[in-house]
C-alpha cells in the first residue's frame, strides 16, 4: 500500500504551494527523507509523519486515515475486508492501477475484467450469488470506468486460459460479442493477449487468477480477489513466486499471433 500512502501524502502537500525542498528545510529534514515519505518508502517514523501533517495543517479525520495507511505500509500485505463484508474491490484496485505503468493479468476461468463486455458482466452477475447489500449496476459502472485505464502510456499483458474462451457466459450471442471485443482489443499496440491452450494440460497458473501491478517508482504488487475480500501482496517472497508463475506462463502460452488465430477460430 506504499503507492496509496505516497499518493495521499502528495495530495496534502500540494495545497501548501511549496516545493519539497522548501518543506524539508522548514522541517529541518534532508530532502531525501521527504522524498522517501512521498514515495511510500521506509526511513521515517510516525512522529515524522505527524510533524509533516501538522505543518500542512491536515484536519483530524485525514490525519487518522494517513496514520492508518502509514502503519499498513509496514506490513507484507494488505487485506481489505469492510465491516459489511463486501469490499469495494473494483474501485480500490482502480486506484492502484492508475498509479501503475504496467498491468499483467492471469485469468484462469473468465475473460479478464478489463476486457469484458457489459453483457458479459451482467451475465456473470445474473448467475452469481446475489447479495441485497450490493448495487450490482453500480459495480458494473465501476468496472466500465476501468476501461479509462487503457492508454498507450501503459502496457497491458493478459494471459488467459483457453477454457475461459469456451465457457458460455450469457449464451452464444453474448460470447460472440465478447470474443469479437477481445480480438479487437488484442490489436491495440499496448495490449498483449496470450492464450494458454487447454491441450497443454497442467500449467503454471493452476493455483488461481491474479494481477501484477508494476510501477516506475515502487516495487511491484500482486492483487488477488475473492468473493468477500481483496489482498495486495508486497513481500519479496510472494513477488518472487508470482514472478516465476508469470515467467512460466509466458513460456507456456501461445504467442500473440497464435492467440489471435485461436480466438478467431472459436468465432467461426
C-alpha atoms as a PDB file:
ATOM      1  CA  UNK A   1       0.000   0.000   0.000  1.00  0.00           C
ATOM      2  CA  UNK A   2       3.040   2.306  -0.246  1.00  0.00           C
ATOM      3  CA  UNK A   3       1.651   3.663  -3.518  1.00  0.00           C
ATOM      4  CA  UNK A   4      -1.659   4.714  -1.941  1.00  0.00           C
ATOM      5  CA  UNK A   5       0.093   6.266   1.048  1.00  0.00           C
ATOM      6  CA  UNK A   6       2.600   8.149  -1.095  1.00  0.00           C
ATOM      7  CA  UNK A   7      -0.188   9.464  -3.318  1.00  0.00           C
ATOM      8  CA  UNK A   8      -2.104  10.664  -0.244  1.00  0.00           C
ATOM      9  CA  UNK A   9       0.972  12.481   1.093  1.00  0.00           C
ATOM     10  CA  UNK A  10       1.466  14.247  -2.235  1.00  0.00           C
ATOM     11  CA  UNK A  11      -2.138  15.449  -2.109  1.00  0.00           C
ATOM     12  CA  UNK A  12      -1.770  17.019   1.346  1.00  0.00           C
ATOM     13  CA  UNK A  13       1.479  18.744   0.278  1.00  0.00           C
ATOM     14  CA  UNK A  14       0.090  20.251  -2.952  1.00  0.00           C
ATOM     15  CA  UNK A  15      -2.176  22.878  -1.282  1.00  0.00           C
ATOM     16  CA  UNK A  16       0.840  24.404   0.510  1.00  0.00           C
ATOM     17  CA  UNK A  17       2.256  25.530  -2.839  1.00  0.00           C
ATOM     18  CA  UNK A  18       5.751  24.771  -1.510  1.00  0.00           C
ATOM     19  CA  UNK A  19       8.446  22.665  -3.134  1.00  0.00           C
ATOM     20  CA  UNK A  20       9.658  19.528  -1.438  1.00  0.00           C
ATOM     21  CA  UNK A  21      12.998  21.217  -0.857  1.00  0.00           C
ATOM     22  CA  UNK A  22      11.361  24.166   0.927  1.00  0.00           C
ATOM     23  CA  UNK A  23       9.194  21.920   3.114  1.00  0.00           C
ATOM     24  CA  UNK A  24      12.226  19.829   4.044  1.00  0.00           C
ATOM     25  CA  UNK A  25      14.109  22.984   5.009  1.00  0.00           C
ATOM     26  CA  UNK A  26      11.207  24.201   7.157  1.00  0.00           C
ATOM     27  CA  UNK A  27      11.049  20.847   8.959  1.00  0.00           C
ATOM     28  CA  UNK A  28      14.823  20.552   9.325  1.00  0.00           C
ATOM     29  CA  UNK A  29      14.900  17.402   7.192  1.00  0.00           C
ATOM     30  CA  UNK A  30      17.083  16.207   4.353  1.00  0.00           C
ATOM     31  CA  UNK A  31      15.105  16.446   1.111  1.00  0.00           C
ATOM     32  CA  UNK A  32      15.707  12.709   0.582  1.00  0.00           C
ATOM     33  CA  UNK A  33      13.729  11.981   3.732  1.00  0.00           C
ATOM     34  CA  UNK A  34      10.659  13.769   2.388  1.00  0.00           C
ATOM     35  CA  UNK A  35      11.167  12.066  -0.962  1.00  0.00           C
ATOM     36  CA  UNK A  36      11.090   8.654   0.750  1.00  0.00           C
ATOM     37  CA  UNK A  37       7.893   9.609   2.560  1.00  0.00           C
ATOM     38  CA  UNK A  38       6.179  10.707  -0.654  1.00  0.00           C
ATOM     39  CA  UNK A  39       7.253   7.501  -2.386  1.00  0.00           C
ATOM     40  CA  UNK A  40       5.828   5.378   0.439  1.00  0.00           C
ATOM     41  CA  UNK A  41       9.203   4.008   1.440  1.00  0.00           C
ATOM     42  CA  UNK A  42      10.732   3.499   4.876  1.00  0.00           C
ATOM     43  CA  UNK A  43      13.185   5.663   6.764  1.00  0.00           C
ATOM     44  CA  UNK A  44      10.598   7.811   8.554  1.00  0.00           C
ATOM     45  CA  UNK A  45       8.763   7.424  11.839  1.00  0.00           C
ATOM     46  CA  UNK A  46       5.179   8.063  12.874  1.00  0.00           C
ATOM     47  CA  UNK A  47       6.439  11.157  14.680  1.00  0.00           C
ATOM     48  CA  UNK A  48       7.978  12.404  11.403  1.00  0.00           C
ATOM     49  CA  UNK A  49       4.661  11.931   9.664  1.00  0.00           C
ATOM     50  CA  UNK A  50       2.805  13.794  12.406  1.00  0.00           C
ATOM     51  CA  UNK A  51       5.281  16.671  12.079  1.00  0.00           C
ATOM     52  CA  UNK A  52       4.574  16.917   8.353  1.00  0.00           C
ATOM     53  CA  UNK A  53       0.798  16.683   8.828  1.00  0.00           C
ATOM     54  CA  UNK A  54       0.911  19.456  11.401  1.00  0.00           C
ATOM     55  CA  UNK A  55       2.984  21.655   9.101  1.00  0.00           C
ATOM     56  CA  UNK A  56       0.466  21.100   6.276  1.00  0.00           C
ATOM     57  CA  UNK A  57      -2.492  21.808   8.611  1.00  0.00           C
ATOM     58  CA  UNK A  58      -4.191  18.495   7.870  1.00  0.00           C
ATOM     59  CA  UNK A  59      -7.593  18.014   9.529  1.00  0.00           C
ATOM     60  CA  UNK A  60      -8.047  15.250  12.169  1.00  0.00           C
ATOM     61  CA  UNK A  61     -10.059  12.759  10.043  1.00  0.00           C
ATOM     62  CA  UNK A  62      -7.401  12.829   7.318  1.00  0.00           C
ATOM     63  CA  UNK A  63      -4.668  12.553   9.955  1.00  0.00           C
ATOM     64  CA  UNK A  64      -6.232   9.316  11.220  1.00  0.00           C
ATOM     65  CA  UNK A  65      -6.555   7.928   7.685  1.00  0.00           C
ATOM     66  CA  UNK A  66      -2.937   8.714   6.832  1.00  0.00           C
ATOM     67  CA  UNK A  67      -1.681   7.217  10.083  1.00  0.00           C
ATOM     68  CA  UNK A  68      -3.575   4.015   9.301  1.00  0.00           C
ATOM     69  CA  UNK A  69      -2.112   3.923   5.788  1.00  0.00           C
ATOM     70  CA  UNK A  70       1.361   4.629   7.136  1.00  0.00           C
ATOM     71  CA  UNK A  71       1.141   1.661   9.503  1.00  0.00           C
ATOM     72  CA  UNK A  72      -0.168  -0.561   6.712  1.00  0.00           C
ATOM     73  CA  UNK A  73       2.899   0.216   4.582  1.00  0.00           C
ATOM     74  CA  UNK A  74       4.970  -1.622   7.178  1.00  0.00           C
ATOM     75  CA  UNK A  75       3.075  -4.867   6.596  1.00  0.00           C
ATOM     76  CA  UNK A  76       3.908  -7.501   3.986  1.00  0.00           C
ATOM     77  CA  UNK A  77       0.416  -7.426   2.561  1.00  0.00           C
ATOM     78  CA  UNK A  78      -2.838  -5.570   2.810  1.00  0.00           C
ATOM     79  CA  UNK A  79      -6.163  -7.338   3.269  1.00  0.00           C
ATOM     80  CA  UNK A  80      -9.295  -5.295   2.567  1.00  0.00           C
ATOM     81  CA  UNK A  81     -12.408  -6.568   4.421  1.00  0.00           C
ATOM     82  CA  UNK A  82     -15.042  -3.894   5.098  1.00  0.00           C
ATOM     83  CA  UNK A  83     -17.451  -4.003   8.028  1.00  0.00           C
ATOM     84  CA  UNK A  84     -20.358  -5.208   5.892  1.00  0.00           C
ATOM     85  CA  UNK A  85     -18.202  -7.951   4.379  1.00  0.00           C
ATOM     86  CA  UNK A  86     -18.452  -6.501   0.877  1.00  0.00           C
ATOM     87  CA  UNK A  87     -15.196  -4.914  -0.271  1.00  0.00           C
ATOM     88  CA  UNK A  88     -15.200  -2.117  -2.811  1.00  0.00           C
ATOM     89  CA  UNK A  89     -12.657  -4.209  -4.670  1.00  0.00           C
ATOM     90  CA  UNK A  90     -13.033  -2.677  -8.090  1.00  0.00           C
ATOM     91  CA  UNK A  91     -12.534   0.947  -7.042  1.00  0.00           C
ATOM     92  CA  UNK A  92      -9.715   0.054  -4.659  1.00  0.00           C
ATOM     93  CA  UNK A  93      -7.961  -1.793  -7.474  1.00  0.00           C
ATOM     94  CA  UNK A  94      -8.561   1.031  -9.955  1.00  0.00           C
ATOM     95  CA  UNK A  95      -6.928   3.481  -7.543  1.00  0.00           C
ATOM     96  CA  UNK A  96      -3.818   1.306  -7.558  1.00  0.00           C
ATOM     97  CA  UNK A  97      -3.928   0.651 -11.314  1.00  0.00           C
ATOM     98  CA  UNK A  98      -3.964   4.397 -12.050  1.00  0.00           C
ATOM     99  CA  UNK A  99      -0.513   4.626 -10.475  1.00  0.00           C
ATOM    100  CA  UNK A 100       0.871   1.623 -12.388  1.00  0.00           C
ATOM    101  CA  UNK A 101       2.715   1.830 -15.695  1.00  0.00           C
ATOM    102  CA  UNK A 102       2.288  -1.887 -16.447  1.00  0.00           C
ATOM    103  CA  UNK A 103      -0.545  -4.316 -15.681  1.00  0.00           C
ATOM    104  CA  UNK A 104      -0.142  -8.071 -16.084  1.00  0.00           C
ATOM    105  CA  UNK A 105      -3.160 -10.350 -15.619  1.00  0.00           C
ATOM    106  CA  UNK A 106      -3.543 -14.106 -15.362  1.00  0.00           C
ATOM    107  CA  UNK A 107      -7.165 -15.271 -15.711  1.00  0.00           C
ATOM    108  CA  UNK A 108      -7.911 -18.965 -15.453  1.00  0.00           C
ATOM    109  CA  UNK A 109     -11.701 -19.205 -15.788  1.00  0.00           C
ATOM    110  CA  UNK A 110     -13.083 -15.948 -17.208  1.00  0.00           C
ATOM    111  CA  UNK A 111     -12.267 -13.236 -19.698  1.00  0.00           C
ATOM    112  CA  UNK A 112     -10.335 -10.666 -17.596  1.00  0.00           C
ATOM    113  CA  UNK A 113     -12.438  -7.852 -16.141  1.00  0.00           C
ATOM    114  CA  UNK A 114     -10.592  -5.172 -18.132  1.00  0.00           C
ATOM    115  CA  UNK A 115     -11.697  -6.862 -21.361  1.00  0.00           C
ATOM    116  CA  UNK A 116     -15.269  -7.866 -20.502  1.00  0.00           C
ATOM    117  CA  UNK A 117     -18.265  -6.512 -22.406  1.00  0.00           C
ATOM    118  CA  UNK A 118     -21.191  -5.110 -20.415  1.00  0.00           C
ATOM    119  CA  UNK A 119     -23.435  -8.039 -21.401  1.00  0.00           C
ATOM    120  CA  UNK A 120     -20.755 -10.480 -20.236  1.00  0.00           C
ATOM    121  CA  UNK A 121     -20.554  -8.632 -16.899  1.00  0.00           C
ATOM    122  CA  UNK A 122     -24.333  -8.708 -16.474  1.00  0.00           C
ATOM    123  CA  UNK A 123     -24.462 -12.412 -17.307  1.00  0.00           C
ATOM    124  CA  UNK A 124     -21.903 -13.124 -14.590  1.00  0.00           C
ATOM    125  CA  UNK A 125     -23.944 -11.110 -12.075  1.00  0.00           C
ATOM    126  CA  UNK A 126     -27.149 -12.947 -13.064  1.00  0.00           C
ATOM    127  CA  UNK A 127     -25.563 -16.343 -12.397  1.00  0.00           C
ATOM    128  CA  UNK A 128     -23.688 -15.303  -9.275  1.00  0.00           C
ATOM    129  CA  UNK A 129     -24.628 -15.386  -5.603  1.00  0.00           C
ATOM    130  CA  UNK A 130     -26.984 -12.403  -5.049  1.00  0.00           C
ATOM    131  CA  UNK A 131     -26.455 -10.040  -2.143  1.00  0.00           C
ATOM    132  CA  UNK A 132     -29.121  -7.452  -1.339  1.00  0.00           C
ATOM    133  CA  UNK A 133     -26.486  -5.089   0.084  1.00  0.00           C
ATOM    134  CA  UNK A 134     -24.750  -4.780  -3.297  1.00  0.00           C
ATOM    135  CA  UNK A 135     -25.863  -2.426  -6.066  1.00  0.00           C
ATOM    136  CA  UNK A 136     -24.687  -4.549  -8.975  1.00  0.00           C
ATOM    137  CA  UNK A 137     -25.356  -1.845 -11.554  1.00  0.00           C
ATOM    138  CA  UNK A 138     -23.001   0.370  -9.549  1.00  0.00           C
ATOM    139  CA  UNK A 139     -20.407  -2.414  -9.612  1.00  0.00           C
ATOM    140  CA  UNK A 140     -20.804  -2.711 -13.392  1.00  0.00           C
ATOM    141  CA  UNK A 141     -20.434   1.066 -13.810  1.00  0.00           C
ATOM    142  CA  UNK A 142     -17.210   0.911 -11.782  1.00  0.00           C
ATOM    143  CA  UNK A 143     -15.932  -1.925 -13.975  1.00  0.00           C
ATOM    144  CA  UNK A 144     -16.786   0.023 -17.121  1.00  0.00           C
ATOM    145  CA  UNK A 145     -14.889   3.029 -15.718  1.00  0.00           C
ATOM    146  CA  UNK A 146     -11.874   0.735 -15.519  1.00  0.00           C
ATOM    147  CA  UNK A 147     -11.600   0.981 -19.301  1.00  0.00           C
ATOM    148  CA  UNK A 148     -10.322   4.531 -18.867  1.00  0.00           C
ATOM    149  CA  UNK A 149      -7.053   2.953 -17.739  1.00  0.00           C
ATOM    150  CA  UNK A 150      -6.313   1.828 -21.293  1.00  0.00           C
ATOM    151  CA  UNK A 151      -3.787   4.252 -22.736  1.00  0.00           C
ATOM    152  CA  UNK A 152      -0.640   3.971 -24.840  1.00  0.00           C
ATOM    153  CA  UNK A 153       1.421   5.244 -21.876  1.00  0.00           C
ATOM    154  CA  UNK A 154       0.752   1.946 -20.059  1.00  0.00           C
ATOM    155  CA  UNK A 155       1.328  -1.636 -21.126  1.00  0.00           C
ATOM    156  CA  UNK A 156      -1.128  -4.461 -20.538  1.00  0.00           C
ATOM    157  CA  UNK A 157      -0.419  -8.176 -20.805  1.00  0.00           C
ATOM    158  CA  UNK A 158      -3.263 -10.675 -20.418  1.00  0.00           C
ATOM    159  CA  UNK A 159      -2.616 -14.388 -20.002  1.00  0.00           C
ATOM    160  CA  UNK A 160      -5.939 -16.198 -20.407  1.00  0.00           C
ATOM    161  CA  UNK A 161      -6.658 -19.908 -20.227  1.00  0.00           C
ATOM    162  CA  UNK A 162      -8.435 -21.241 -23.304  1.00  0.00           C
ATOM    163  CA  UNK A 163     -11.242 -22.634 -21.131  1.00  0.00           C
ATOM    164  CA  UNK A 164     -12.317 -19.037 -20.408  1.00  0.00           C
ATOM    165  CA  UNK A 165     -12.994 -18.563 -24.133  1.00  0.00           C
ATOM    166  CA  UNK A 166     -15.246 -21.634 -24.269  1.00  0.00           C
ATOM    167  CA  UNK A 167     -17.215 -21.015 -21.060  1.00  0.00           C
ATOM    168  CA  UNK A 168     -20.648 -19.947 -22.450  1.00  0.00           C
ATOM    169  CA  UNK A 169     -21.255 -16.946 -20.197  1.00  0.00           C
ATOM    170  CA  UNK A 170     -24.613 -15.409 -21.167  1.00  0.00           C
ATOM    171  CA  UNK A 171     -25.132 -17.718 -24.132  1.00  0.00           C
ATOM    172  CA  UNK A 172     -23.865 -17.792 -27.744  1.00  0.00           C
ATOM    173  CA  UNK A 173     -24.668 -14.188 -28.688  1.00  0.00           C
ATOM    174  CA  UNK A 174     -23.014 -12.719 -25.602  1.00  0.00           C
ATOM    175  CA  UNK A 175     -19.948 -14.896 -26.094  1.00  0.00           C
ATOM    176  CA  UNK A 176     -19.714 -13.995 -29.773  1.00  0.00           C
ATOM    177  CA  UNK A 177     -19.696 -10.284 -28.956  1.00  0.00           C
ATOM    178  CA  UNK A 178     -17.230 -10.912 -26.137  1.00  0.00           C
ATOM    179  CA  UNK A 179     -14.766 -12.753 -28.351  1.00  0.00           C
ATOM    180  CA  UNK A 180     -15.061 -10.106 -31.080  1.00  0.00           C
ATOM    181  CA  UNK A 181     -14.323  -7.445 -28.446  1.00  0.00           C
ATOM    182  CA  UNK A 182     -11.387  -9.463 -27.079  1.00  0.00           C
ATOM    183  CA  UNK A 183      -9.930  -9.871 -30.567  1.00  0.00           C
ATOM    184  CA  UNK A 184     -10.302  -6.155 -31.257  1.00  0.00           C
ATOM    185  CA  UNK A 185      -8.578  -5.159 -28.017  1.00  0.00           C
ATOM    186  CA  UNK A 186      -5.717  -7.553 -28.824  1.00  0.00           C
ATOM    187  CA  UNK A 187      -4.962  -5.426 -31.898  1.00  0.00           C
ATOM    188  CA  UNK A 188      -4.022  -2.397 -29.810  1.00  0.00           C
ATOM    189  CA  UNK A 189      -0.271  -1.825 -29.688  1.00  0.00           C
ATOM    190  CA  UNK A 190      -0.113  -1.546 -25.898  1.00  0.00           C
ATOM    191  CA  UNK A 191      -2.266  -4.621 -25.200  1.00  0.00           C
ATOM    192  CA  UNK A 192      -0.911  -8.165 -25.429  1.00  0.00           C
ATOM    193  CA  UNK A 193      -3.246 -11.168 -25.242  1.00  0.00           C
ATOM    194  CA  UNK A 194      -1.687 -14.619 -24.782  1.00  0.00           C
ATOM    195  CA  UNK A 195      -3.811 -17.762 -24.564  1.00  0.00           C
ATOM    196  CA  UNK A 196      -2.733 -20.794 -22.523  1.00  0.00           C
ATOM    197  CA  UNK A 197      -4.104 -23.745 -24.554  1.00  0.00           C
ATOM    198  CA  UNK A 198      -6.254 -26.454 -22.985  1.00  0.00           C
ATOM    199  CA  UNK A 199      -4.147 -29.065 -24.780  1.00  0.00           C
ATOM    200  CA  UNK A 200      -1.228 -28.136 -22.538  1.00  0.00           C
ATOM    201  CA  UNK A 201      -2.941 -29.823 -19.597  1.00  0.00           C
ATOM    202  CA  UNK A 202      -1.355 -28.774 -16.309  1.00  0.00           C
ATOM    203  CA  UNK A 203       0.161 -25.300 -16.313  1.00  0.00           C
ATOM    204  CA  UNK A 204       1.917 -22.770 -14.100  1.00  0.00           C
ATOM    205  CA  UNK A 205      -1.262 -20.879 -13.181  1.00  0.00           C
ATOM    206  CA  UNK A 206      -3.329 -23.706 -11.679  1.00  0.00           C
ATOM    207  CA  UNK A 207      -3.306 -22.103  -8.221  1.00  0.00           C
ATOM    208  CA  UNK A 208      -5.644 -19.340  -9.420  1.00  0.00           C
ATOM    209  CA  UNK A 209      -6.016 -15.975 -11.105  1.00  0.00           C
ATOM    210  CA  UNK A 210      -4.109 -12.866 -10.030  1.00  0.00           C
ATOM    211  CA  UNK A 211      -2.911  -9.497 -11.234  1.00  0.00           C
ATOM    212  CA  UNK A 212       0.518  -7.861 -11.064  1.00  0.00           C
ATOM    213  CA  UNK A 213       0.896  -4.081 -10.987  1.00  0.00           C
ATOM    214  CA  UNK A 214       4.297  -2.615 -11.853  1.00  0.00           C
ATOM    215  CA  UNK A 215       5.407   0.956 -11.120  1.00  0.00           C
ATOM    216  CA  UNK A 216       8.226   3.263 -12.120  1.00  0.00           C
ATOM    217  CA  UNK A 217       9.000   4.362  -8.559  1.00  0.00           C
ATOM    218  CA  UNK A 218       7.750   1.433  -6.473  1.00  0.00           C
ATOM    219  CA  UNK A 219       8.208  -2.304  -6.247  1.00  0.00           C
ATOM    220  CA  UNK A 220       5.503  -4.397  -7.954  1.00  0.00           C
ATOM    221  CA  UNK A 221       2.414  -5.586  -6.096  1.00  0.00           C
ATOM    222  CA  UNK A 222       0.242  -8.681  -6.546  1.00  0.00           C
ATOM    223  CA  UNK A 223      -3.540  -8.397  -6.291  1.00  0.00           C
ATOM    224  CA  UNK A 224      -5.743 -11.406  -5.507  1.00  0.00           C
ATOM    225  CA  UNK A 225      -9.521 -11.095  -5.336  1.00  0.00           C
ATOM    226  CA  UNK A 226     -12.018 -13.376  -3.608  1.00  0.00           C
ATOM    227  CA  UNK A 227     -15.775 -13.157  -3.094  1.00  0.00           C
ATOM    228  CA  UNK A 228     -15.562 -11.088   0.100  1.00  0.00           C
ATOM    229  CA  UNK A 229     -12.035  -9.727   0.250  1.00  0.00           C
ATOM    230  CA  UNK A 230      -9.119  -8.422  -1.758  1.00  0.00           C
ATOM    231  CA  UNK A 231      -5.472  -8.958  -0.941  1.00  0.00           C
ATOM    232  CA  UNK A 232      -2.448  -6.926  -2.011  1.00  0.00           C
ATOM    233  CA  UNK A 233       0.870  -8.773  -1.588  1.00  0.00           C
ATOM    234  CA  UNK A 234       4.113  -6.806  -1.414  1.00  0.00           C
ATOM    235  CA  UNK A 235       6.615  -9.065   0.373  1.00  0.00           C
ATOM    236  CA  UNK A 236       9.661 -10.220  -1.564  1.00  0.00           C
ATOM    237  CA  UNK A 237       8.861 -13.932  -1.274  1.00  0.00           C
ATOM    238  CA  UNK A 238       5.371 -13.504  -2.764  1.00  0.00           C
ATOM    239  CA  UNK A 239       6.625 -11.210  -5.517  1.00  0.00           C
ATOM    240  CA  UNK A 240       9.305 -13.735  -6.454  1.00  0.00           C
ATOM    241  CA  UNK A 241       6.810 -16.608  -6.505  1.00  0.00           C
ATOM    242  CA  UNK A 242       4.265 -14.853  -8.704  1.00  0.00           C
ATOM    243  CA  UNK A 243       7.003 -13.514 -10.964  1.00  0.00           C
ATOM    244  CA  UNK A 244       8.076 -17.112 -11.531  1.00  0.00           C
ATOM    245  CA  UNK A 245       4.499 -18.081 -12.375  1.00  0.00           C
ATOM    246  CA  UNK A 246       4.290 -15.308 -14.979  1.00  0.00           C
ATOM    247  CA  UNK A 247       7.636 -16.318 -16.457  1.00  0.00           C
ATOM    248  CA  UNK A 248       6.407 -19.894 -16.885  1.00  0.00           C
ATOM    249  CA  UNK A 249       3.058 -18.749 -18.319  1.00  0.00           C
ATOM    250  CA  UNK A 250       4.997 -16.660 -20.823  1.00  0.00           C
ATOM    251  CA  UNK A 251       6.780 -19.828 -21.945  1.00  0.00           C
ATOM    252  CA  UNK A 252       3.631 -21.984 -21.959  1.00  0.00           C
ATOM    253  CA  UNK A 253       1.174 -19.594 -23.663  1.00  0.00           C
ATOM    254  CA  UNK A 254       0.636 -19.292 -27.396  1.00  0.00           C
ATOM    255  CA  UNK A 255       2.340 -16.295 -28.942  1.00  0.00           C
ATOM    256  CA  UNK A 256       0.329 -13.176 -29.835  1.00  0.00           C
ATOM    257  CA  UNK A 257      -0.481 -14.191 -33.402  1.00  0.00           C
ATOM    258  CA  UNK A 258      -1.358 -17.772 -32.468  1.00  0.00           C
ATOM    259  CA  UNK A 259      -3.607 -16.414 -29.719  1.00  0.00           C
ATOM    260  CA  UNK A 260      -5.443 -14.115 -32.144  1.00  0.00           C
ATOM    261  CA  UNK A 261      -5.913 -17.003 -34.548  1.00  0.00           C
ATOM    262  CA  UNK A 262      -7.330 -19.201 -31.771  1.00  0.00           C
ATOM    263  CA  UNK A 263      -9.867 -16.516 -30.810  1.00  0.00           C
ATOM    264  CA  UNK A 264     -10.917 -16.210 -34.478  1.00  0.00           C
ATOM    265  CA  UNK A 265     -11.224 -19.990 -34.830  1.00  0.00           C
ATOM    266  CA  UNK A 266     -13.675 -20.162 -31.928  1.00  0.00           C
ATOM    267  CA  UNK A 267     -15.781 -17.463 -33.595  1.00  0.00           C
ATOM    268  CA  UNK A 268     -16.078 -19.378 -36.873  1.00  0.00           C
END
